[in-house]
Protein backbone atom coordinates (compact mmCIF):
# COMPACT_ATOMS: atom_id res chain seq x y z
CA UNK A 1 50.59 54.81 116.75
CA UNK A 2 48.30 56.21 119.43
CA UNK A 3 47.09 59.75 119.26
CA UNK A 4 49.03 60.76 122.39
CA UNK A 5 52.29 59.41 121.05
CA UNK A 6 51.77 61.18 117.90
CA UNK A 7 51.14 64.46 119.65
CA UNK A 8 54.30 63.91 121.77
CA UNK A 9 56.40 63.21 118.82
CA UNK A 10 54.97 66.26 117.08
CA UNK A 11 55.77 68.55 120.03
CA UNK A 12 59.23 67.19 120.22
CA UNK A 13 59.96 67.85 116.59
CA UNK A 14 58.63 71.40 116.74
CA UNK A 15 60.73 72.15 119.88
CA UNK A 16 63.83 70.69 118.22
CA UNK A 17 63.32 72.63 115.07
CA UNK A 18 62.86 75.92 117.08
CA UNK A 19 66.16 75.22 119.14
CA UNK A 20 67.88 74.74 115.79
CA UNK A 21 66.48 77.89 114.51
CA UNK A 22 67.45 79.85 117.65
CA UNK A 23 71.03 78.49 117.30
CA UNK A 24 71.31 79.22 113.56
CA UNK A 25 69.52 82.56 113.69
CA UNK A 26 69.37 84.09 117.06
CA UNK A 27 67.80 87.28 115.77
CA UNK A 28 64.72 87.88 114.07
CA UNK A 29 62.84 90.90 112.59
CA UNK A 30 61.23 93.09 115.08
CA UNK A 31 57.50 92.65 115.27
CA UNK A 32 56.61 96.37 115.49
CA UNK A 33 58.59 97.89 112.58
CA UNK A 34 58.89 94.66 110.64
CA UNK A 35 62.60 94.81 110.51
CA UNK A 36 62.89 98.37 109.07
CA UNK A 37 63.94 100.09 112.24
CA UNK A 38 61.39 102.78 111.92
CA UNK A 39 57.67 103.36 111.16
CA UNK A 40 56.52 104.62 107.70
CA UNK A 41 54.18 107.64 107.60
CA UNK A 42 52.47 109.50 104.80
CA UNK A 43 52.52 113.21 104.13
CA UNK A 44 49.47 115.25 103.34
CA UNK A 45 49.83 114.25 99.75
CA UNK A 46 49.90 110.56 100.51
CA UNK A 47 53.47 109.90 99.77
CA UNK A 48 55.49 107.54 102.16
CA UNK A 49 58.06 109.14 104.28
CA UNK A 50 60.41 107.89 107.19
CA UNK A 51 58.86 108.17 110.56
CA UNK A 52 60.29 108.01 114.07
CA UNK A 53 62.89 105.29 115.03
CA UNK A 54 61.34 102.27 116.45
CA UNK A 55 61.39 102.22 120.33
CA UNK A 56 61.18 98.39 120.68
CA UNK A 57 64.33 97.52 118.69
CA UNK A 58 66.18 100.91 119.01
CA UNK A 59 66.11 101.35 115.25
CA UNK A 60 68.15 98.20 114.70
CA UNK A 61 65.29 96.31 112.97
CA UNK A 62 66.38 92.99 114.77
CA UNK A 63 65.19 91.47 118.21
CA UNK A 64 66.43 88.51 120.12
CA UNK A 65 64.38 85.29 119.82
CA UNK A 66 62.78 83.96 123.05
CA UNK A 67 64.49 80.57 122.95
CA UNK A 68 67.91 82.42 122.47
CA UNK A 69 67.09 84.65 125.26
CA UNK A 70 66.34 81.86 127.69
CA UNK A 71 69.54 79.89 126.68
CA UNK A 72 71.62 83.09 127.12
CA UNK A 73 70.03 83.53 130.54
CA UNK A 74 70.78 79.95 131.43
CA UNK A 75 74.30 79.96 130.33
CA UNK A 76 75.02 83.27 132.13
CA UNK A 77 73.59 81.79 135.45
CA UNK A 78 75.53 78.50 134.91
CA UNK A 79 78.77 80.37 134.31
CA UNK A 80 78.22 82.42 137.31
CA UNK A 81 77.55 79.38 139.52
CA UNK A 82 80.64 77.36 138.24
CA UNK A 83 83.04 80.17 138.29
CA UNK A 84 86.26 79.65 140.42
């Protein structure tokens, strides 16, 4: 197998795997708060305490994956274009 065909096959497998991931689990953990919904702070004694709510995920701890976001956008446009 030539290197170009091998690279194309690897890209196809990665793309297909990401598509399956987005279909099975459309939401992933927020990158900023790591899925907790808030930041951790320390007080003066060094003990951990709850910080402010995460502004990126609005304290849910989840975010929509990029592939699922693209699919939702495509489906919305398709439905709007084929509506009677």
